[in-house]
Amino acid sequence: MYARIYGRLRISTVGRVLREFESIDSTNRVARDLAVAGEAEGTVVVSVEQTAGRGRLGREWISPAGGGLYLSVILRPEAGEIAARERISIAAGVSVVQVLRRLYGLDARLKWPNDVLVDGKKVCGILIESCATNEYVVGIGINTNWEKVPPQADEFRRRPTALSLELGCKVEHGELLGRILESLDLVYAALRRGLFRAILGRARRHLFGVGCEVAFEDGFGATRTGTLEGMDDEGRALVRDGYDRLIPITAGEVRIADRT
């Protein structure tokens, strides 16, 4: 299905091995099993359909056949190369943002830490899972070819969209997959060389919601509000609360306005 793109790919790690499926429960689940079995770093699992796709915080990810690009990548950075899983998360988000902006001319934005929005609507979700020490699976789901927003959209905190709805035409999955793999390969290589600051600069440039009122969890089970001011040098979201304190958010969500 995607074999023809391989002759044109310029990659060093991400995408060296491709495992293709017509329908599976979850690309992340399959990739985790392959990682545990010793599959090579950079292996990509891609499927036409997911029957049990998952997003962050255990949410369902709607994954109809042909309606999205669903893939997961096995990464194994050396100990000490990458300080935190959150850096991989931001790097993956930046990779997708760059592709959507360059390939389609869309004003794609990063919603901290790694969702991708177009016109304020969610078009891509990214799920990072740890398999073992310094072993991760990066799951990427991009809504591509929808004729309309599905009825389940009301269950989403932020209304979703698809590339076809934004562009007015369907997109070709092979080309999109190839660009995503090349972009992620380059960004991952930069991350391993200690160039997180450069990646963070791109994330800041395209960060969604700066200056907006947000809600966040304070780590003690309470929800608080403040204003999103950006990201610090570690990639944490910075929120200024009602007492004029600048609070770094390390986990969970930063919910913008009344829908996230």
Protein backbone atom coordinates (compact mmCIF):
# COMPACT_ATOMS: atom_id res chain seq x y z
CA MET A 1 0.00 0.00 0.00
CA TYR A 2 2.71 2.48 1.00
CA ALA A 3 5.72 0.62 -0.41
CA ARG A 4 6.02 2.96 -3.37
CA ILE A 5 6.88 5.95 -1.18
CA TYR A 6 10.01 4.31 0.15
CA GLY A 7 12.21 4.94 -2.84
CA ARG A 8 11.76 8.68 -2.33
CA LEU A 9 12.16 8.94 1.45
CA ARG A 10 15.15 10.71 2.94
CA ILE A 11 15.36 9.11 6.37
CA SER A 12 17.97 7.73 8.73
CA THR A 13 15.95 6.22 11.58
CA VAL A 14 12.20 6.82 11.50
CA GLY A 15 10.56 4.60 8.89
CA ARG A 16 13.38 2.16 8.23
CA VAL A 17 10.87 -0.68 8.71
CA LEU A 18 7.19 -0.37 7.82
CA ARG A 19 4.48 -2.73 9.11
CA GLU A 20 1.22 -2.18 7.22
CA PHE A 21 -2.27 -3.34 8.23
CA GLU A 22 -5.76 -2.99 6.81
CA SER A 23 -7.44 -3.03 10.22
CA ILE A 24 -6.13 -3.42 13.77
CA ASP A 25 -7.33 -2.37 17.20
CA SER A 26 -4.56 0.16 17.83
CA THR A 27 -1.27 0.97 16.11
CA ASN A 28 0.21 1.84 19.50
CA ARG A 29 -0.73 -1.56 20.91
CA VAL A 30 0.87 -3.39 17.98
CA ALA A 31 3.97 -1.19 18.10
CA ARG A 32 4.37 -1.81 21.84
CA ASP A 33 4.20 -5.57 21.28
CA LEU A 34 6.79 -5.31 18.51
CA ALA A 35 9.05 -3.18 20.71
CA VAL A 36 8.91 -5.72 23.52
CA ALA A 37 9.79 -8.42 20.99
CA GLY A 38 12.90 -6.46 19.96
CA GLU A 39 11.75 -4.80 16.74
CA ALA A 40 14.23 -2.24 15.40
CA GLU A 41 14.14 1.40 16.40
CA GLY A 42 12.33 3.51 13.83
CA THR A 43 9.85 0.78 12.93
CA VAL A 44 6.51 2.26 11.87
CA VAL A 45 3.14 0.57 12.27
CA VAL A 46 0.45 2.04 10.01
CA SER A 47 -3.15 0.93 9.49
CA VAL A 48 -6.04 1.91 7.23
CA GLU A 49 -8.41 1.53 10.18
CA GLN A 50 -8.27 1.30 13.98
CA THR A 51 -11.12 -0.41 15.80
CA ALA A 52 -10.02 0.77 19.26
CA GLY A 53 -7.95 3.91 18.64
CA ARG A 54 -6.97 5.81 21.76
CA GLY A 55 -6.04 9.39 22.51
CA ARG A 56 -4.49 11.01 25.55
CA LEU A 57 -6.03 10.37 28.99
CA GLY A 58 -7.77 7.24 27.73
CA ARG A 59 -10.07 9.03 25.30
CA GLU A 60 -11.37 7.33 22.18
CA TRP A 61 -9.84 8.35 18.85
CA ILE A 62 -12.33 7.93 16.00
CA SER A 63 -10.44 5.95 13.35
CA PRO A 64 -12.66 5.04 10.37
CA ALA A 65 -11.22 3.22 7.36
CA GLY A 66 -9.76 5.75 4.94
CA GLY A 67 -10.73 8.67 7.15
CA GLY A 68 -7.36 9.21 8.74
CA LEU A 69 -3.67 8.44 8.81
CA TYR A 70 -2.93 6.24 11.83
CA LEU A 71 0.66 5.36 12.65
CA SER A 72 2.98 4.57 15.56
CA VAL A 73 6.78 4.71 15.72
CA ILE A 74 9.21 2.87 18.01
CA LEU A 75 11.97 5.11 19.40
CA ARG A 76 14.90 4.14 21.62
CA PRO A 77 17.08 7.15 22.46
CA GLU A 78 20.29 6.38 24.30
CA ALA A 79 20.29 7.03 28.04
CA GLY A 80 21.00 10.70 28.70
CA GLU A 81 20.27 11.84 25.14
CA ILE A 82 16.78 13.10 25.92
CA ALA A 83 15.92 14.43 29.35
CA ALA A 84 12.20 13.69 29.34
CA ARG A 85 9.42 11.99 27.43
CA GLU A 86 7.75 15.41 27.18
CA ARG A 87 10.50 16.55 24.81
CA ILE A 88 9.69 13.72 22.41
CA SER A 89 6.03 14.67 22.68
CA ILE A 90 6.66 18.29 21.71
CA ALA A 91 9.06 17.23 18.94
CA ALA A 92 6.40 14.97 17.43
CA GLY A 93 3.85 17.78 17.50
CA VAL A 94 6.28 20.17 15.82
CA SER A 95 6.95 17.56 13.12
CA VAL A 96 3.27 17.37 12.20
CA VAL A 97 2.75 21.15 12.36
CA GLN A 98 5.62 21.71 9.93
CA VAL A 99 4.24 19.22 7.42
CA LEU A 100 0.69 20.61 7.45
CA ARG A 101 1.96 24.15 7.00
CA ARG A 102 4.44 23.34 4.21
CA LEU A 103 2.50 20.67 2.30
CA TYR A 104 -0.98 22.20 2.43
CA GLY A 105 -0.42 25.83 3.44
CA LEU A 106 -2.62 25.43 6.51
CA ASP A 107 -2.21 27.61 9.59
CA ALA A 108 -1.51 24.59 11.80
CA ARG A 109 -0.87 25.30 15.48
CA LEU A 110 0.47 23.31 18.41
CA LYS A 111 -1.84 23.01 21.40
CA TRP A 112 0.37 22.15 24.37
CA PRO A 113 1.75 19.61 24.69
CA ASN A 114 1.20 17.89 21.34
CA ASP A 115 -2.25 18.25 19.77
CA VAL A 116 -2.34 19.92 16.36
CA LEU A 117 -5.13 22.36 15.50
CA VAL A 118 -6.24 24.08 12.31
CA ASP A 119 -8.47 27.13 12.72
CA GLY A 120 -8.82 26.20 16.39
CA LYS A 121 -10.14 22.71 15.57
CA LYS A 122 -8.33 19.50 16.38
CA VAL A 123 -6.95 17.70 13.33
CA CYS A 124 -4.25 15.55 14.94
CA GLY A 125 -3.66 13.84 18.26
CA ILE A 126 -0.38 12.37 19.49
CA LEU A 127 0.00 9.73 22.20
CA ILE A 128 3.42 8.92 23.70
CA GLU A 129 3.72 5.70 25.69
CA SER A 130 6.72 4.24 27.51
CA CYS A 131 7.53 0.58 26.85
CA ALA A 132 10.68 0.35 28.98
CA THR A 133 13.52 2.60 30.08
CA ASN A 134 14.45 4.81 27.11
CA GLU A 135 11.92 3.05 24.87
CA TYR A 136 8.84 4.84 23.56
CA VAL A 137 5.99 4.40 21.12
CA VAL A 138 4.85 7.61 19.40
CA GLY A 139 1.29 7.31 18.11
CA ILE A 140 0.05 9.87 15.57
CA GLY A 141 -3.54 10.11 14.35
CA ILE A 142 -4.40 12.68 11.67
CA ASN A 143 -7.97 13.21 10.46
CA THR A 144 -7.66 13.31 6.69
CA ASN A 145 -10.63 12.49 4.47
CA TRP A 146 -13.97 13.19 6.12
CA GLU A 147 -17.04 14.29 4.20
CA LYS A 148 -18.47 15.85 7.36
CA VAL A 149 -17.78 16.00 11.08
CA PRO A 150 -19.04 12.73 12.60
CA PRO A 151 -21.90 12.75 15.14
CA GLN A 152 -19.47 11.63 17.87
CA ALA A 153 -17.80 15.04 17.63
CA ASP A 154 -20.00 16.30 20.46
CA GLU A 155 -18.06 13.98 22.77
CA PHE A 156 -14.82 15.85 22.04
CA ARG A 157 -13.72 18.66 24.30
CA ARG A 158 -12.54 20.56 21.21
CA ARG A 159 -14.46 20.22 17.96
CA PRO A 160 -12.47 18.15 15.46
CA THR A 161 -11.85 18.73 11.80
CA ALA A 162 -10.16 16.90 8.95
CA LEU A 163 -7.74 18.01 6.27
CA SER A 164 -10.33 17.44 3.54
CA LEU A 165 -12.80 19.74 5.29
CA GLU A 166 -10.20 22.50 5.58
CA LEU A 167 -8.82 22.11 2.05
CA GLY A 168 -12.00 21.31 0.18
CA CYS A 169 -10.48 18.17 -1.34
CA LYS A 170 -9.19 14.79 -0.30
CA VAL A 171 -5.52 14.26 0.56
CA GLU A 172 -3.27 11.44 -0.60
CA HIS A 173 -2.19 9.29 2.33
CA GLY A 174 1.05 8.05 0.79
CA GLU A 175 2.43 11.54 0.28
CA LEU A 176 1.33 12.65 3.75
CA LEU A 177 2.88 9.59 5.41
CA GLY A 178 6.18 10.13 3.61
CA ARG A 179 6.37 13.78 4.65
CA ILE A 180 5.48 12.96 8.27
CA LEU A 181 8.20 10.29 8.48
CA GLU A 182 10.83 12.59 6.98
CA SER A 183 9.88 15.44 9.28
CA LEU A 184 9.84 13.29 12.41
CA ASP A 185 13.15 11.71 11.41
CA LEU A 186 14.83 15.12 11.11
CA VAL A 187 13.37 16.48 14.34
CA TYR A 188 14.22 13.29 16.26
CA ALA A 189 17.80 13.45 14.98
CA ALA A 190 18.03 17.06 16.17
CA LEU A 191 16.63 16.07 19.56
CA ARG A 192 19.25 13.35 19.93
CA ARG A 193 21.99 15.87 19.11
CA GLY A 194 20.87 18.11 21.97
CA LEU A 195 19.09 20.69 19.80
CA PHE A 196 15.88 20.83 21.80
CA ARG A 197 16.14 24.62 22.04
CA ALA A 198 15.74 24.93 18.26
CA ILE A 199 12.72 22.59 18.29
CA LEU A 200 11.24 24.55 21.19
CA GLY A 201 11.61 27.76 19.20
CA ARG A 202 9.37 26.35 16.48
CA ALA A 203 6.88 25.10 19.07
CA ARG A 204 6.71 28.56 20.64
CA ARG A 205 6.27 30.22 17.26
CA HIS A 206 3.21 28.12 16.46
CA LEU A 207 1.79 27.69 19.97
CA PHE A 208 -2.00 28.00 20.13
CA GLY A 209 -3.78 29.99 22.84
CA VAL A 210 -1.08 32.37 24.07
CA GLY A 211 -2.81 35.18 25.95
CA CYS A 212 -6.01 33.17 26.35
CA GLU A 213 -7.74 32.19 29.56
CA VAL A 214 -7.06 28.55 30.40
CA ALA A 215 -7.96 25.96 33.03
CA PHE A 216 -5.45 23.50 34.42
CA GLU A 217 -5.07 20.90 37.17
CA ASP A 218 -2.96 22.05 40.10
CA GLY A 219 -1.64 18.58 40.94
CA PHE A 220 -3.83 18.29 44.04
CA GLY A 221 -7.09 17.45 42.33
CA ALA A 222 -8.33 21.02 41.91
CA THR A 223 -8.94 22.93 38.68
CA ARG A 224 -7.52 26.45 38.50
CA THR A 225 -7.59 29.17 35.87
CA GLY A 226 -5.07 31.60 34.49
CA THR A 227 -3.59 33.01 31.30
CA LEU A 228 -1.34 30.99 29.00
CA GLU A 229 1.92 32.88 28.48
CA GLY A 230 3.98 30.36 26.53
CA MET A 231 6.51 27.61 27.32
CA ASP A 232 9.64 27.62 29.43
CA ASP A 233 13.04 26.25 28.34
CA GLU A 234 12.03 22.72 29.38
CA GLY A 235 8.91 22.80 27.22
CA ARG A 236 6.50 23.20 30.15
CA ALA A 237 3.41 25.35 29.65
CA LEU A 238 3.58 28.63 31.57
CA VAL A 239 0.33 29.89 33.08
CA ARG A 240 -0.05 33.11 35.07
CA ASP A 241 -2.67 32.70 37.76
CA GLY A 242 -4.92 35.24 39.47
CA TYR A 243 -2.20 36.03 42.01
CA ASP A 244 0.25 37.00 39.24
CA ARG A 245 2.31 33.85 39.80
CA LEU A 246 3.85 32.15 36.77
CA ILE A 247 3.18 28.42 37.10
CA PRO A 248 4.96 25.77 34.97
CA ILE A 249 2.63 22.93 33.97
CA THR A 250 4.44 19.60 33.65
CA ALA A 251 1.61 17.14 33.00
CA GLY A 252 -2.08 16.87 32.21
CA GLU A 253 -3.87 19.39 30.05
CA VAL A 254 -4.15 23.12 29.62
CA ARG A 255 -7.78 23.66 28.60
CA ILE A 256 -8.30 26.80 26.58
CA ALA A 257 -11.50 28.83 27.11
CA ASP A 258 -14.59 26.66 27.60
CA ARG A 259 -13.62 23.89 25.11
CA THR A 260 -10.31 22.01 24.80
